[in-house]
Amino acid sequence: MDEGTRRIEVLLLTQDDCKFCDEAKAIIGRLGEEFPLDVNTTEVSSPRGQAVALEGGLLFPPGIVIDGRPFSYGRPSERKLRRELERLTSSTLA
């Protein structure tokens, strides 16, 4: 990956004792080895987390926001997330 590669911003909204949040962190960690991700994690109960969840219609954790756009909430799908990251990286190469 060269310095000109655009990084994909991923925001993960989580809460304590959330099995799906742990699953989302693991999936994003694996995908971060393949894609140029900048990942930030925020508690959904924090003021920022509440604002992002409300604005994006993310009803419960984990919430995933990609490049400022709500992507999903609840049980994460690695396949769906991978497809979106492939789409984003191929569109930046074109």
C-alpha atoms as a PDB file:
ATOM      1  CA  MET A   1       0.000   0.000   0.000  1.00  0.00           C
ATOM      2  CA  ASP A   2       1.521   3.342  -0.994  1.00  0.00           C
ATOM      3  CA  GLU A   3       1.169   6.691   0.725  1.00  0.00           C
ATOM      4  CA  GLY A   4      -1.415   7.811  -1.833  1.00  0.00           C
ATOM      5  CA  THR A   5      -3.870   5.083  -0.871  1.00  0.00           C
ATOM      6  CA  ARG A   6      -7.056   6.507   0.584  1.00  0.00           C
ATOM      7  CA  ARG A   7      -7.849   5.247   4.053  1.00  0.00           C
ATOM      8  CA  ILE A   8     -11.377   4.088   4.836  1.00  0.00           C
ATOM      9  CA  GLU A   9     -12.719   5.539   8.087  1.00  0.00           C
ATOM     10  CA  VAL A  10     -14.611   3.005  10.202  1.00  0.00           C
ATOM     11  CA  LEU A  11     -16.415   3.972  13.406  1.00  0.00           C
ATOM     12  CA  LEU A  12     -17.612   1.132  15.600  1.00  0.00           C
ATOM     13  CA  LEU A  13     -20.264   1.905  18.221  1.00  0.00           C
ATOM     14  CA  THR A  14     -20.040  -0.616  21.053  1.00  0.00           C
ATOM     15  CA  GLN A  15     -21.161  -1.327  24.592  1.00  0.00           C
ATOM     16  CA  ASP A  16     -19.806  -3.471  27.402  1.00  0.00           C
ATOM     17  CA  ASP A  17     -20.792  -7.147  27.579  1.00  0.00           C
ATOM     18  CA  CYS A  18     -21.917  -7.216  23.944  1.00  0.00           C
ATOM     19  CA  LYS A  19     -21.149 -10.475  22.132  1.00  0.00           C
ATOM     20  CA  PHE A  20     -21.884  -8.985  18.711  1.00  0.00           C
ATOM     21  CA  CYS A  21     -19.625  -5.998  19.517  1.00  0.00           C
ATOM     22  CA  ASP A  22     -16.757  -8.404  20.202  1.00  0.00           C
ATOM     23  CA  GLU A  23     -17.570 -10.204  16.960  1.00  0.00           C
ATOM     24  CA  ALA A  24     -17.584  -6.901  15.029  1.00  0.00           C
ATOM     25  CA  LYS A  25     -14.193  -5.941  16.502  1.00  0.00           C
ATOM     26  CA  ALA A  26     -12.739  -9.312  15.430  1.00  0.00           C
ATOM     27  CA  ILE A  27     -14.173  -9.038  11.898  1.00  0.00           C
ATOM     28  CA  ILE A  28     -12.917  -5.479  11.451  1.00  0.00           C
ATOM     29  CA  GLY A  29      -9.532  -6.519  12.826  1.00  0.00           C
ATOM     30  CA  ARG A  30      -9.265  -9.283  10.203  1.00  0.00           C
ATOM     31  CA  LEU A  31     -10.442  -7.033   7.390  1.00  0.00           C
ATOM     32  CA  GLY A  32      -7.995  -4.351   8.525  1.00  0.00           C
ATOM     33  CA  GLU A  33      -5.204  -6.680   7.453  1.00  0.00           C
ATOM     34  CA  GLU A  34      -6.547  -6.602   3.873  1.00  0.00           C
ATOM     35  CA  PHE A  35      -7.994  -3.108   3.529  1.00  0.00           C
ATOM     36  CA  PRO A  36      -6.621   0.365   4.429  1.00  0.00           C
ATOM     37  CA  LEU A  37      -8.834   0.997   7.469  1.00  0.00           C
ATOM     38  CA  ASP A  38      -8.664   3.692  10.129  1.00  0.00           C
ATOM     39  CA  VAL A  39     -10.806   2.254  12.923  1.00  0.00           C
ATOM     40  CA  ASN A  40     -12.174   4.149  15.909  1.00  0.00           C
ATOM     41  CA  THR A  41     -14.365   2.707  18.633  1.00  0.00           C
ATOM     42  CA  THR A  42     -16.881   4.723  20.647  1.00  0.00           C
ATOM     43  CA  GLU A  43     -19.217   3.627  23.418  1.00  0.00           C
ATOM     44  CA  VAL A  44     -22.798   3.937  22.195  1.00  0.00           C
ATOM     45  CA  SER A  45     -23.709   5.359  25.626  1.00  0.00           C
ATOM     46  CA  SER A  46     -21.271   8.283  25.243  1.00  0.00           C
ATOM     47  CA  PRO A  47     -22.595  11.647  24.035  1.00  0.00           C
ATOM     48  CA  ARG A  48     -20.826  11.178  20.672  1.00  0.00           C
ATOM     49  CA  GLY A  49     -22.048   7.582  20.397  1.00  0.00           C
ATOM     50  CA  GLN A  50     -25.639   8.586  21.129  1.00  0.00           C
ATOM     51  CA  ALA A  51     -25.492  11.402  18.558  1.00  0.00           C
ATOM     52  CA  VAL A  52     -24.037   9.142  15.833  1.00  0.00           C
ATOM     53  CA  ALA A  53     -26.548   6.358  16.583  1.00  0.00           C
ATOM     54  CA  LEU A  54     -29.517   8.735  16.558  1.00  0.00           C
ATOM     55  CA  GLU A  55     -28.397  10.534  13.409  1.00  0.00           C
ATOM     56  CA  GLY A  56     -27.660   7.289  11.554  1.00  0.00           C
ATOM     57  CA  GLY A  57     -30.673   5.293  12.730  1.00  0.00           C
ATOM     58  CA  LEU A  58     -28.405   2.720  14.379  1.00  0.00           C
ATOM     59  CA  LEU A  59     -30.909   1.161  16.743  1.00  0.00           C
ATOM     60  CA  PHE A  60     -28.566  -0.997  18.844  1.00  0.00           C
ATOM     61  CA  PRO A  61     -24.903  -1.970  19.039  1.00  0.00           C
ATOM     62  CA  PRO A  62     -22.700  -2.691  17.429  1.00  0.00           C
ATOM     63  CA  GLY A  63     -23.179   0.128  14.981  1.00  0.00           C
ATOM     64  CA  ILE A  64     -20.791   0.389  12.053  1.00  0.00           C
ATOM     65  CA  VAL A  65     -20.265   3.697  10.255  1.00  0.00           C
ATOM     66  CA  ILE A  66     -18.057   3.741   7.148  1.00  0.00           C
ATOM     67  CA  ASP A  67     -16.698   7.046   5.843  1.00  0.00           C
ATOM     68  CA  GLY A  68     -19.329   8.895   7.876  1.00  0.00           C
ATOM     69  CA  ARG A  69     -22.256   6.862   6.517  1.00  0.00           C
ATOM     70  CA  PRO A  70     -24.256   4.394   8.602  1.00  0.00           C
ATOM     71  CA  PHE A  71     -23.539   0.872   7.372  1.00  0.00           C
ATOM     72  CA  SER A  72     -25.139  -1.587   9.796  1.00  0.00           C
ATOM     73  CA  TYR A  73     -26.146  -2.331  13.349  1.00  0.00           C
ATOM     74  CA  GLY A  74     -26.655  -5.499  15.322  1.00  0.00           C
ATOM     75  CA  ARG A  75     -25.065  -8.797  14.365  1.00  0.00           C
ATOM     76  CA  PRO A  76     -22.257  -8.027  11.905  1.00  0.00           C
ATOM     77  CA  SER A  77     -21.891  -9.777   8.547  1.00  0.00           C
ATOM     78  CA  GLU A  78     -18.288 -10.243   7.449  1.00  0.00           C
ATOM     79  CA  ARG A  79     -19.406 -10.981   3.891  1.00  0.00           C
ATOM     80  CA  LYS A  80     -21.494  -7.800   3.647  1.00  0.00           C
ATOM     81  CA  LEU A  81     -18.709  -5.702   5.176  1.00  0.00           C
ATOM     82  CA  ARG A  82     -16.086  -7.223   2.879  1.00  0.00           C
ATOM     83  CA  ARG A  83     -18.234  -6.467  -0.201  1.00  0.00           C
ATOM     84  CA  GLU A  84     -18.590  -2.829   0.877  1.00  0.00           C
ATOM     85  CA  LEU A  85     -14.854  -2.439   1.506  1.00  0.00           C
ATOM     86  CA  GLU A  86     -14.075  -4.029  -1.867  1.00  0.00           C
ATOM     87  CA  ARG A  87     -16.498  -1.637  -3.523  1.00  0.00           C
ATOM     88  CA  LEU A  88     -14.935   1.369  -1.799  1.00  0.00           C
ATOM     89  CA  THR A  89     -11.363   0.373  -2.590  1.00  0.00           C
ATOM     90  CA  SER A  90     -12.111  -0.477  -6.227  1.00  0.00           C
ATOM     91  CA  SER A  91     -13.945   2.825  -6.745  1.00  0.00           C
ATOM     92  CA  THR A  92     -10.922   4.754  -5.467  1.00  0.00           C
ATOM     93  CA  LEU A  93      -8.631   2.879  -7.853  1.00  0.00           C
ATOM     94  CA  ALA A  94     -10.787   3.573 -10.909  1.00  0.00           C
END
